[in-house]
């Protein structure tokens, strides 16, 4: 059973990662800001920038790894099979 972990970029973002649901969540209700629409808009803008920057950087990193993988595949003649679950022999033994 996975415990719910919440990774948050608060106090300047409306986004957080809900690890249990494997999703990014966004919450921005005016009531959460005590009616301060300017603070809400500021956090929404920061959230948009954060997500855009993170997505762009992840995309660049992904492309780099795909390029390197292609070089290694060509050099080694690697063949890939569909992904399958591999159990962790150390599961349950960690502190």
Protein backbone atom coordinates (compact mmCIF):
# COMPACT_ATOMS: atom_id res chain seq x y z
CA UNK A 1 0.00 0.00 0.00
CA UNK A 2 1.39 3.40 -0.96
CA UNK A 3 1.08 6.17 1.52
CA UNK A 4 -0.02 9.51 0.18
CA UNK A 5 2.92 11.85 -0.14
CA UNK A 6 2.42 15.44 -1.14
CA UNK A 7 5.33 17.29 -2.69
CA UNK A 8 4.48 20.95 -2.81
CA UNK A 9 6.03 24.11 -4.21
CA UNK A 10 4.11 26.25 -1.74
CA UNK A 11 3.92 29.07 -0.84
CA UNK A 12 4.32 30.43 -4.38
CA UNK A 13 2.52 27.78 -6.38
CA UNK A 14 -0.94 26.26 -6.65
CA UNK A 15 0.51 22.91 -7.77
CA UNK A 16 1.57 19.84 -5.88
CA UNK A 17 2.41 16.24 -6.75
CA UNK A 18 0.00 13.70 -5.35
CA UNK A 19 2.27 10.66 -5.35
CA UNK A 20 -0.47 8.23 -4.34
CA UNK A 21 -2.51 9.19 -7.41
CA UNK A 22 0.58 9.74 -9.60
CA UNK A 23 -0.74 13.12 -10.63
CA UNK A 24 0.01 16.80 -10.49
CA UNK A 25 -2.80 18.62 -8.75
CA UNK A 26 -3.72 22.28 -9.05
CA UNK A 27 -5.90 24.10 -6.55
CA UNK A 28 -6.61 27.81 -6.68
CA UNK A 29 -9.79 28.97 -5.04
CA UNK A 30 -10.29 32.58 -4.10
CA UNK A 31 -11.45 31.44 -0.65
CA UNK A 32 -8.01 29.90 -0.05
CA UNK A 33 -6.58 33.41 -0.39
CA UNK A 34 -9.03 35.04 1.97
CA UNK A 35 -10.57 36.86 -0.99
CA UNK A 36 -7.22 38.36 -2.07
CA UNK A 37 -7.56 38.07 -5.87
CA UNK A 38 -4.17 39.69 -6.48
CA UNK A 39 -2.37 37.07 -4.36
CA UNK A 40 -4.32 34.33 -6.13
CA UNK A 41 -3.35 35.66 -9.58
CA UNK A 42 0.28 35.99 -8.47
CA UNK A 43 0.36 32.33 -7.40
CA UNK A 44 -1.41 31.25 -10.60
CA UNK A 45 1.19 33.07 -12.70
CA UNK A 46 4.02 31.53 -10.65
CA UNK A 47 2.44 28.09 -11.09
CA UNK A 48 2.19 28.55 -14.85
CA UNK A 49 5.86 29.59 -15.01
CA UNK A 50 6.97 26.72 -12.76
CA UNK A 51 5.13 24.08 -14.79
CA UNK A 52 6.29 25.51 -18.12
CA UNK A 53 9.94 25.68 -17.02
CA UNK A 54 9.84 22.21 -15.50
CA UNK A 55 8.21 20.74 -18.60
CA UNK A 56 10.74 22.40 -20.91
CA UNK A 57 13.71 21.18 -18.85
CA UNK A 58 12.32 17.65 -18.57
CA UNK A 59 11.75 17.64 -22.32
CA UNK A 60 15.35 18.68 -23.00
CA UNK A 61 16.66 16.01 -20.64
CA UNK A 62 14.42 13.37 -22.24
CA UNK A 63 15.69 14.23 -25.71
CA UNK A 64 19.30 14.00 -24.49
CA UNK A 65 18.70 10.53 -23.03
CA UNK A 66 16.95 9.36 -26.21
CA UNK A 67 19.90 10.58 -28.29
CA UNK A 68 22.41 8.81 -26.03
CA UNK A 69 20.29 5.66 -25.99
CA UNK A 70 20.29 5.60 -29.80
CA UNK A 71 24.09 5.84 -29.90
CA UNK A 72 24.45 3.06 -27.31
CA UNK A 73 21.85 0.89 -29.06
CA UNK A 74 23.68 1.28 -32.36
CA UNK A 75 27.08 0.59 -30.78
CA UNK A 76 25.92 -2.50 -28.89
CA UNK A 77 23.20 -3.85 -31.18
CA UNK A 78 20.81 -3.73 -28.23
CA UNK A 79 17.29 -5.02 -28.73
CA UNK A 80 14.50 -3.94 -26.41
CA UNK A 81 11.51 -5.94 -25.26
CA UNK A 82 8.28 -4.54 -23.85
CA UNK A 83 8.55 -3.34 -20.26
CA UNK A 84 7.71 -5.89 -17.58
CA UNK A 85 7.55 -5.78 -13.80
CA UNK A 86 10.71 -6.92 -12.05
CA UNK A 87 10.38 -7.46 -8.31
CA UNK A 88 12.82 -5.77 -5.95
CA UNK A 89 14.69 -8.43 -3.94
CA UNK A 90 15.42 -5.82 -1.24
CA UNK A 91 11.76 -4.90 -0.75
CA UNK A 92 10.85 -4.99 2.91
CA UNK A 93 14.46 -5.11 4.11
CA UNK A 94 15.16 -1.38 4.07
CA UNK A 95 15.07 0.64 7.25
